[in-house]
Structure formats: C-alpha cells, structure tokens
Amino acid sequence: MAFTVFFVCAWLIISIFIIMPKRLTLIENTFIFLTTSVISINWTWIINEELKYVKITEDPANYAGFLIFRSLILPTLLMVHVNLYNASSSVMKRGLVFTASVILLLLLTILSRALEVSTYKDWNLGFDVVYYVILHFFSIGVCKILRKSTRNEVKHS
C-alpha cells in the first residue's frame, strides 16, 4: 500500500513542479535536487542504519515507498519550495510557503508511520521537523550561493 500512496504523491509533486512557472534555471533546480538528495540519503542512512533510531520495514513494496519518499518526493518538494519561495514578494508569503512545505513533509512522514514503513525507536516527530526546517534553509542557502556565484562570474567575464 505504501508504494502506491508514495508513487501517487511523487507523481503529483513532480507534475506540480513541471507545470509551475519556475523562477530558477535548470542548473539551479538540478543542483538543489542533487544536493538535497545526497543529504537526504546520507541522513536516513545514518539515522536508520548506523544509529538505529528508526527501523525501516522489511517488506519490499513498503521499502520501495520509503525510497520514493526519500529519493524523489523530498528533493522535488524542496525544488518546488525554493521556486515558490523566490517567486514570493513578501515575507508573509515566503513564511507561508516555508510552513506549508514543512507541514506537507511532516504529514508524509506521519503517513509513512501509519503505513508501517518506519518505526521510531529513539526518535520522534520533533526531530523530523527540525531536520526538515534545516533542510529547507539549506536549499534556500544553496540557491542564494549559486545565484551569487553565477552573478560574480558574469561580472568578471
């Protein structure tokens, strides 16, 4: 069941990303996707396999749902978030986009627990919220650094 649910969620988020007007270039979107994918994969590996704070299911279909969430949904949602964040003109809109994105990831995490994809041992949802907030700030920072570095290259050429 988890595979189906997360496949549909991934399809929906990727569709939203495809049809939305993008404020970032292809290179910026790709860089955000790749860096957040690397962090997400390494983070889950450390928390799940090394520290054993979270136990991931042994069922292949549910595990595939976990992989879809970790490797597709999370980075794509962060790309959508950064594009909407940059398109927002006021601090209020940016805060709303930021909060909505974190809440959506939190709801998907709760869904993952409800579908028995993951079981918390020495972990709780508060730690996930902190992780998602830091990951959102990281993706915004990566975008700003990338834009600043490309502007500096253009000025010096």
N, C-alpha and C. Protein backbone atom coordinates (compact mmCIF):
# COMPACT_ATOMS: atom_id res chain seq x y z
N MET A 1 0.81 -1.20 0.00
CA MET A 1 0.00 0.00 0.00
C MET A 1 0.85 1.26 0.00
N ALA A 2 1.98 1.22 0.72
CA ALA A 2 2.85 2.39 0.82
C ALA A 2 3.44 2.75 -0.54
N PHE A 3 3.78 1.74 -1.31
CA PHE A 3 4.32 2.01 -2.64
C PHE A 3 3.33 2.81 -3.48
N THR A 4 2.09 2.38 -3.48
CA THR A 4 1.06 3.05 -4.27
C THR A 4 0.84 4.48 -3.80
N VAL A 5 0.73 4.67 -2.50
CA VAL A 5 0.49 6.01 -1.95
C VAL A 5 1.64 6.95 -2.27
N PHE A 6 2.87 6.50 -2.02
CA PHE A 6 4.02 7.37 -2.27
C PHE A 6 4.28 7.56 -3.76
N PHE A 7 3.93 6.57 -4.58
CA PHE A 7 4.06 6.73 -6.03
C PHE A 7 3.11 7.83 -6.51
N VAL A 8 1.89 7.83 -6.03
CA VAL A 8 0.92 8.85 -6.42
C VAL A 8 1.36 10.23 -5.91
N CYS A 9 1.85 10.28 -4.68
CA CYS A 9 2.35 11.56 -4.14
C CYS A 9 3.52 12.08 -4.96
N ALA A 10 4.45 11.19 -5.33
CA ALA A 10 5.59 11.60 -6.15
C ALA A 10 5.12 12.10 -7.51
N TRP A 11 4.18 11.37 -8.11
CA TRP A 11 3.65 11.79 -9.40
C TRP A 11 3.00 13.17 -9.31
N LEU A 12 2.24 13.40 -8.25
CA LEU A 12 1.58 14.68 -8.06
C LEU A 12 2.58 15.82 -7.86
N ILE A 13 3.58 15.61 -7.04
CA ILE A 13 4.56 16.67 -6.76
C ILE A 13 5.41 16.94 -8.00
N ILE A 14 5.80 15.90 -8.72
CA ILE A 14 6.56 16.10 -9.96
C ILE A 14 5.70 16.82 -11.00
N SER A 15 4.41 16.49 -11.09
CA SER A 15 3.51 17.18 -12.02
C SER A 15 3.37 18.65 -11.66
N ILE A 16 3.25 18.93 -10.38
CA ILE A 16 3.18 20.34 -9.93
C ILE A 16 4.45 21.08 -10.33
N PHE A 17 5.59 20.44 -10.12
CA PHE A 17 6.85 21.08 -10.48
C PHE A 17 6.94 21.34 -11.98
N ILE A 18 6.47 20.40 -12.78
CA ILE A 18 6.56 20.56 -14.23
C ILE A 18 5.68 21.70 -14.73
N ILE A 19 4.46 21.83 -14.20
CA ILE A 19 3.55 22.83 -14.74
C ILE A 19 3.70 24.22 -14.11
N MET A 20 4.39 24.31 -12.97
CA MET A 20 4.50 25.61 -12.31
C MET A 20 5.52 26.51 -13.03
N PRO A 21 5.30 27.82 -12.99
CA PRO A 21 6.31 28.72 -13.55
C PRO A 21 7.55 28.69 -12.65
N LYS A 22 8.70 28.47 -13.26
CA LYS A 22 9.94 28.31 -12.50
C LYS A 22 10.73 29.60 -12.45
N ARG A 23 11.14 29.97 -11.26
CA ARG A 23 11.98 31.15 -11.07
C ARG A 23 13.46 30.80 -11.16
N LEU A 24 13.78 29.53 -11.04
CA LEU A 24 15.17 29.09 -11.06
C LEU A 24 15.50 28.49 -12.42
N THR A 25 16.77 28.55 -12.77
CA THR A 25 17.22 27.95 -14.02
C THR A 25 17.30 26.44 -13.87
N LEU A 26 17.51 25.77 -14.99
CA LEU A 26 17.64 24.32 -14.98
C LEU A 26 18.83 23.89 -14.11
N ILE A 27 19.92 24.61 -14.21
CA ILE A 27 21.11 24.28 -13.42
C ILE A 27 20.83 24.45 -11.93
N GLU A 28 20.17 25.53 -11.55
CA GLU A 28 19.85 25.76 -10.14
C GLU A 28 18.91 24.68 -9.60
N ASN A 29 17.88 24.34 -10.35
CA ASN A 29 16.96 23.28 -9.93
C ASN A 29 17.67 21.94 -9.82
N THR A 30 18.51 21.63 -10.78
CA THR A 30 19.26 20.37 -10.74
C THR A 30 20.20 20.32 -9.55
N PHE A 31 20.89 21.41 -9.29
CA PHE A 31 21.83 21.45 -8.18
C PHE A 31 21.10 21.30 -6.85
N ILE A 32 19.96 21.95 -6.70
CA ILE A 32 19.18 21.80 -5.46
C ILE A 32 18.69 20.37 -5.32
N PHE A 33 18.20 19.78 -6.40
CA PHE A 33 17.74 18.39 -6.35
C PHE A 33 18.86 17.46 -5.94
N LEU A 34 20.02 17.59 -6.55
CA LEU A 34 21.12 16.68 -6.27
C LEU A 34 21.68 16.85 -4.86
N THR A 35 21.87 18.09 -4.42
CA THR A 35 22.43 18.29 -3.08
C THR A 35 21.46 17.83 -2.00
N THR A 36 20.18 18.11 -2.16
CA THR A 36 19.22 17.65 -1.15
C THR A 36 19.05 16.13 -1.20
N SER A 37 19.20 15.53 -2.38
CA SER A 37 19.16 14.07 -2.47
C SER A 37 20.32 13.44 -1.71
N VAL A 38 21.51 13.99 -1.90
CA VAL A 38 22.69 13.46 -1.21
C VAL A 38 22.52 13.59 0.30
N ILE A 39 22.06 14.73 0.76
CA ILE A 39 21.86 14.92 2.19
C ILE A 39 20.78 13.98 2.72
N SER A 40 19.68 13.87 2.01
CA SER A 40 18.58 13.02 2.45
C SER A 40 19.00 11.55 2.52
N ILE A 41 19.69 11.08 1.52
CA ILE A 41 20.12 9.68 1.50
C ILE A 41 21.11 9.42 2.63
N ASN A 42 22.08 10.30 2.80
CA ASN A 42 23.07 10.10 3.87
C ASN A 42 22.45 10.24 5.25
N TRP A 43 21.53 11.19 5.41
CA TRP A 43 20.87 11.38 6.70
C TRP A 43 20.08 10.14 7.09
N THR A 44 19.29 9.62 6.17
CA THR A 44 18.50 8.44 6.51
C THR A 44 19.39 7.24 6.76
N TRP A 45 20.49 7.13 6.04
CA TRP A 45 21.41 6.03 6.27
C TRP A 45 22.01 6.11 7.68
N ILE A 46 22.42 7.31 8.09
CA ILE A 46 23.00 7.47 9.43
C ILE A 46 21.96 7.19 10.51
N ILE A 47 20.76 7.76 10.39
CA ILE A 47 19.73 7.60 11.41
C ILE A 47 19.19 6.18 11.46
N ASN A 48 19.00 5.56 10.30
CA ASN A 48 18.39 4.23 10.25
C ASN A 48 19.39 3.10 10.45
N GLU A 49 20.48 3.13 9.74
CA GLU A 49 21.41 2.00 9.73
C GLU A 49 22.50 2.11 10.80
N GLU A 50 23.04 3.29 11.00
CA GLU A 50 24.15 3.42 11.92
C GLU A 50 23.69 3.63 13.37
N LEU A 51 22.81 4.58 13.59
CA LEU A 51 22.37 4.88 14.96
C LEU A 51 21.18 4.05 15.39
N LYS A 52 20.49 3.44 14.42
CA LYS A 52 19.33 2.58 14.69
C LYS A 52 18.21 3.31 15.46
N TYR A 53 18.02 4.59 15.16
CA TYR A 53 16.94 5.36 15.79
C TYR A 53 15.59 5.06 15.16
N VAL A 54 15.61 4.72 13.88
CA VAL A 54 14.38 4.43 13.14
C VAL A 54 14.56 3.08 12.45
N LYS A 55 13.55 2.26 12.52
CA LYS A 55 13.59 0.96 11.83
C LYS A 55 12.71 1.05 10.59
N ILE A 56 13.29 0.68 9.46
CA ILE A 56 12.57 0.69 8.19
C ILE A 56 12.06 -0.72 7.93
N THR A 57 10.90 -0.80 7.31
CA THR A 57 10.24 -2.08 7.05
C THR A 57 11.10 -3.02 6.19
N GLU A 58 10.83 -4.28 6.34
CA GLU A 58 11.50 -5.31 5.53
C GLU A 58 10.68 -5.67 4.29
N ASP A 59 9.41 -5.27 4.26
CA ASP A 59 8.53 -5.58 3.13
C ASP A 59 9.01 -4.82 1.88
N PRO A 60 9.26 -5.51 0.78
CA PRO A 60 9.81 -4.85 -0.42
C PRO A 60 8.94 -3.72 -0.97
N ALA A 61 7.64 -3.89 -1.00
CA ALA A 61 6.75 -2.85 -1.54
C ALA A 61 6.78 -1.61 -0.65
N ASN A 62 6.72 -1.79 0.65
CA ASN A 62 6.77 -0.65 1.57
C ASN A 62 8.14 0.00 1.54
N TYR A 63 9.19 -0.80 1.40
CA TYR A 63 10.54 -0.24 1.31
C TYR A 63 10.69 0.59 0.03
N ALA A 64 10.07 0.15 -1.05
CA ALA A 64 10.09 0.93 -2.29
C ALA A 64 9.38 2.27 -2.08
N GLY A 65 8.30 2.27 -1.30
CA GLY A 65 7.63 3.52 -0.95
C GLY A 65 8.54 4.44 -0.16
N PHE A 66 9.30 3.87 0.77
CA PHE A 66 10.28 4.66 1.53
C PHE A 66 11.32 5.27 0.61
N LEU A 67 11.82 4.50 -0.34
CA LEU A 67 12.82 5.01 -1.28
C LEU A 67 12.26 6.12 -2.16
N ILE A 68 11.01 5.97 -2.57
CA ILE A 68 10.37 7.03 -3.36
C ILE A 68 10.26 8.31 -2.55
N PHE A 69 9.87 8.19 -1.28
CA PHE A 69 9.76 9.38 -0.43
C PHE A 69 11.12 10.04 -0.25
N ARG A 70 12.13 9.25 0.07
CA ARG A 70 13.45 9.78 0.36
C ARG A 70 14.14 10.33 -0.87
N SER A 71 14.02 9.66 -2.01
CA SER A 71 14.82 10.00 -3.17
C SER A 71 14.10 10.83 -4.23
N LEU A 72 12.77 10.85 -4.22
CA LEU A 72 12.03 11.63 -5.21
C LEU A 72 11.19 12.74 -4.58
N ILE A 73 10.35 12.37 -3.63
CA ILE A 73 9.41 13.33 -3.07
C ILE A 73 10.13 14.46 -2.35
N LEU A 74 11.03 14.12 -1.45
CA LEU A 74 11.70 15.13 -0.64
C LEU A 74 12.50 16.13 -1.49
N PRO A 75 13.39 15.70 -2.40
CA PRO A 75 14.12 16.69 -3.21
C PRO A 75 13.22 17.48 -4.16
N THR A 76 12.21 16.83 -4.74
CA THR A 76 11.33 17.55 -5.67
C THR A 76 10.49 18.57 -4.92
N LEU A 77 10.00 18.21 -3.75
CA LEU A 77 9.24 19.17 -2.95
C LEU A 77 10.11 20.36 -2.55
N LEU A 78 11.38 20.12 -2.28
CA LEU A 78 12.28 21.23 -1.96
C LEU A 78 12.52 22.12 -3.18
N MET A 79 12.56 21.54 -4.38
CA MET A 79 12.67 22.37 -5.58
C MET A 79 11.42 23.22 -5.77
N VAL A 80 10.26 22.63 -5.55
CA VAL A 80 9.01 23.39 -5.65
C VAL A 80 9.02 24.50 -4.61
N HIS A 81 9.45 24.18 -3.41
CA HIS A 81 9.50 25.16 -2.33
C HIS A 81 10.41 26.34 -2.69
N VAL A 82 11.61 26.07 -3.17
CA VAL A 82 12.54 27.16 -3.48
C VAL A 82 12.02 28.00 -4.64
N ASN A 83 11.40 27.38 -5.63
CA ASN A 83 10.83 28.15 -6.74
C ASN A 83 9.70 29.05 -6.25
N LEU A 84 8.81 28.53 -5.42
CA LEU A 84 7.73 29.35 -4.88
C LEU A 84 8.26 30.39 -3.91
N TYR A 85 9.27 30.04 -3.15
CA TYR A 85 9.88 30.97 -2.19
C TYR A 85 10.48 32.17 -2.93
N ASN A 86 11.19 31.91 -4.03
CA ASN A 86 11.78 33.01 -4.80
C ASN A 86 10.73 33.82 -5.55
N ALA A 87 9.60 33.22 -5.86
CA ALA A 87 8.54 33.95 -6.56
C ALA A 87 7.74 34.82 -5.61
N SER A 88 7.81 34.55 -4.32
CA SER A 88 7.04 35.31 -3.34
C SER A 88 7.68 36.67 -3.12
N SER A 89 6.82 37.68 -3.06
CA SER A 89 7.33 39.04 -2.93
C SER A 89 7.40 39.52 -1.48
N SER A 90 6.56 38.99 -0.62
CA SER A 90 6.54 39.47 0.76
C SER A 90 7.05 38.40 1.72
N VAL A 91 7.43 38.84 2.90
CA VAL A 91 7.91 37.94 3.94
C VAL A 91 6.79 37.01 4.39
N MET A 92 5.57 37.53 4.40
CA MET A 92 4.41 36.72 4.81
C MET A 92 4.19 35.54 3.86
N LYS A 93 4.27 35.81 2.55
CA LYS A 93 4.09 34.74 1.57
C LYS A 93 5.23 33.72 1.66
N ARG A 94 6.44 34.22 1.86
CA ARG A 94 7.58 33.30 1.98
C ARG A 94 7.44 32.42 3.21
N GLY A 95 7.00 33.00 4.31
CA GLY A 95 6.78 32.22 5.52
C GLY A 95 5.69 31.19 5.34
N LEU A 96 4.65 31.55 4.62
CA LEU A 96 3.55 30.62 4.35
C LEU A 96 4.01 29.45 3.47
N VAL A 97 4.79 29.75 2.44
CA VAL A 97 5.33 28.70 1.57
C VAL A 97 6.24 27.78 2.36
N PHE A 98 7.09 28.35 3.19
CA PHE A 98 8.02 27.58 4.01
C PHE A 98 7.26 26.67 4.96
N THR A 99 6.28 27.23 5.66
CA THR A 99 5.49 26.46 6.63
C THR A 99 4.69 25.36 5.94
N ALA A 100 4.07 25.67 4.81
CA ALA A 100 3.28 24.67 4.10
C ALA A 100 4.14 23.51 3.63
N SER A 101 5.34 23.80 3.17
CA SER A 101 6.23 22.75 2.71
C SER A 101 6.68 21.84 3.86
N VAL A 102 7.02 22.43 4.99
CA VAL A 102 7.43 21.64 6.15
C VAL A 102 6.26 20.80 6.66
N ILE A 103 5.07 21.38 6.70
CA ILE A 103 3.89 20.63 7.16
C ILE A 103 3.57 19.48 6.21
N LEU A 104 3.71 19.70 4.90
CA LEU A 104 3.46 18.63 3.94
C LEU A 104 4.45 17.47 4.15
N LEU A 105 5.71 17.79 4.36
CA LEU A 105 6.70 16.74 4.63
C LEU A 105 6.39 16.02 5.94
N LEU A 106 5.95 16.77 6.92
CA LEU A 106 5.59 16.16 8.20
C LEU A 106 4.39 15.23 8.04
N LEU A 107 3.40 15.65 7.27
CA LEU A 107 2.23 14.79 7.02
C LEU A 107 2.62 13.52 6.27
N LEU A 108 3.55 13.64 5.33
CA LEU A 108 4.02 12.45 4.61
C LEU A 108 4.80 11.53 5.55
N THR A 109 5.51 12.10 6.50
CA THR A 109 6.22 11.28 7.49
C THR A 109 5.23 10.56 8.40
N ILE A 110 4.19 11.26 8.81
CA ILE A 110 3.14 10.63 9.63
C ILE A 110 2.45 9.52 8.83
N LEU A 111 2.21 9.77 7.54
CA LEU A 111 1.63 8.75 6.68
C LEU A 111 2.56 7.54 6.57
N SER A 112 3.83 7.79 6.49
CA SER A 112 4.81 6.71 6.44
C SER A 112 4.76 5.86 7.70
N ARG A 113 4.59 6.49 8.83
CA ARG A 113 4.47 5.74 10.08
C ARG A 113 3.14 4.99 10.14
N ALA A 114 2.08 5.60 9.66
CA ALA A 114 0.77 4.95 9.68
C ALA A 114 0.73 3.72 8.76
N LEU A 115 1.47 3.78 7.67
CA LEU A 115 1.53 2.65 6.73
C LEU A 115 2.61 1.64 7.14
N GLU A 116 3.18 1.84 8.29
CA GLU A 116 4.19 0.94 8.87
C GLU A 116 5.42 0.80 7.99
N VAL A 117 5.81 1.90 7.35
CA VAL A 117 7.04 1.92 6.60
C VAL A 117 8.22 2.12 7.55
N SER A 118 8.01 2.96 8.57
CA SER A 118 9.06 3.22 9.54
C SER A 118 8.49 3.12 10.95
N THR A 119 9.37 2.73 11.87
CA THR A 119 9.01 2.64 13.28
C THR A 119 10.07 3.38 14.08
N TYR A 120 9.65 4.31 14.90
CA TYR A 120 10.59 5.09 15.70
C TYR A 120 10.99 4.33 16.95
N LYS A 121 12.29 4.33 17.23
CA LYS A 121 12.79 3.74 18.48
C LYS A 121 13.20 4.85 19.44
N ASP A 122 14.29 5.50 19.14
CA ASP A 122 14.77 6.63 19.95
C ASP A 122 14.64 7.92 19.16
N TRP A 123 13.52 8.11 18.53
CA TRP A 123 13.29 9.22 17.61
C TRP A 123 11.87 9.70 17.81
N ASN A 124 11.57 10.93 17.37
CA ASN A 124 10.19 11.41 17.40
C ASN A 124 9.98 12.42 16.27
N LEU A 125 8.74 12.85 16.11
CA LEU A 125 8.41 13.77 15.01
C LEU A 125 9.07 15.13 15.16
N GLY A 126 9.36 15.53 16.39
CA GLY A 126 10.03 16.80 16.62
C GLY A 126 11.39 16.85 15.95
N PHE A 127 12.12 15.74 16.01
CA PHE A 127 13.43 15.68 15.34
C PHE A 127 13.27 15.77 13.83
N ASP A 128 12.21 15.15 13.31
CA ASP A 128 11.94 15.24 11.87
C ASP A 128 11.62 16.68 11.46
N VAL A 129 10.86 17.39 12.28
CA VAL A 129 10.54 18.79 11.98
C VAL A 129 11.82 19.62 11.93
N VAL A 130 12.70 19.42 12.91
CA VAL A 130 13.97 20.16 12.93
C VAL A 130 14.78 19.83 11.67
N TYR A 131 14.84 18.56 11.31
CA TYR A 131 15.56 18.15 10.10
C TYR A 131 14.97 18.80 8.86
N TYR A 132 13.65 18.82 8.74
CA TYR A 132 13.01 19.41 7.56
C TYR A 132 13.24 20.92 7.50
N VAL A 133 13.17 21.58 8.63
CA VAL A 133 13.41 23.03 8.65
C VAL A 133 14.85 23.33 8.24
N ILE A 134 15.81 22.59 8.78
CA ILE A 134 17.22 22.80 8.42
C ILE A 134 17.42 22.50 6.93
N LEU A 135 16.79 21.47 6.42
CA LEU A 135 16.91 21.13 5.01
C LEU A 135 16.32 22.22 4.12
N HIS A 136 15.23 22.84 4.55
CA HIS A 136 14.65 23.95 3.78
C HIS A 136 15.58 25.15 3.78
N PHE A 137 16.13 25.49 4.95
CA PHE A 137 17.08 26.60 5.00
C PHE A 137 18.31 26.30 4.15
N PHE A 138 18.76 25.05 4.16
CA PHE A 138 19.90 24.65 3.34
C PHE A 138 19.60 24.84 1.86
N SER A 139 18.42 24.43 1.41
CA SER A 139 18.08 24.55 -0.01
C SER A 139 17.97 26.02 -0.42
N ILE A 140 17.44 26.86 0.45
CA ILE A 140 17.39 28.30 0.16
C ILE A 140 18.80 28.86 0.10
N GLY A 141 19.65 28.45 1.03
CA GLY A 141 21.04 28.92 1.04
C GLY A 141 21.81 28.47 -0.19
N VAL A 142 21.61 27.25 -0.61
CA VAL A 142 22.27 26.73 -1.82
C VAL A 142 21.85 27.56 -3.03
N CYS A 143 20.58 27.88 -3.11
CA CYS A 143 20.08 28.70 -4.22
C CYS A 143 20.73 30.08 -4.21
N LYS A 144 20.79 30.71 -3.04
CA LYS A 144 21.39 32.05 -2.95
C LYS A 144 22.88 32.03 -3.28
N ILE A 145 23.59 31.03 -2.79
CA ILE A 145 25.03 30.92 -3.07
C ILE A 145 25.25 30.68 -4.56
N LEU A 146 24.45 29.81 -5.14
CA LEU A 146 24.58 29.51 -6.57
C LEU A 146 24.30 30.75 -7.42
N ARG A 147 23.27 31.48 -7.07
CA ARG A 147 22.96 32.71 -7.82
C ARG A 147 24.05 33.76 -7.65
N LYS A 148 24.58 33.88 -6.45
CA LYS A 148 25.64 34.86 -6.21
C LYS A 148 26.91 34.50 -6.97
N SER A 149 27.24 33.22 -6.99
CA SER A 149 28.46 32.80 -7.69
C SER A 149 28.32 32.96 -9.20
N THR A 150 27.13 32.74 -9.76
CA THR A 150 26.96 32.92 -11.20
C THR A 150 26.95 34.40 -11.58
N ARG A 151 26.43 35.24 -10.69
CA ARG A 151 26.47 36.68 -10.96
C ARG A 151 27.91 37.19 -10.94
N ASN A 152 28.71 36.70 -10.01
CA ASN A 152 30.10 37.14 -9.93
C ASN A 152 30.89 36.70 -11.17
N GLU A 153 30.60 35.52 -11.70
CA GLU A 153 31.28 35.07 -12.89
C GLU A 153 30.93 35.95 -14.08
N VAL A 154 29.69 36.37 -14.18
CA VAL A 154 29.27 37.21 -15.29
C VAL A 154 29.93 38.58 -15.20
N LYS A 155 30.06 39.13 -14.00
CA LYS A 155 30.69 40.44 -13.83
C LYS A 155 32.16 40.42 -14.21
N HIS A 156 32.83 39.32 -13.93
CA HIS A 156 34.27 39.26 -14.18
C HIS A 156 34.61 38.84 -15.60
N SER A 157 33.67 38.37 -16.34
CA SER A 157 33.97 37.91 -17.70
C SER A 157 34.07 39.04 -18.68
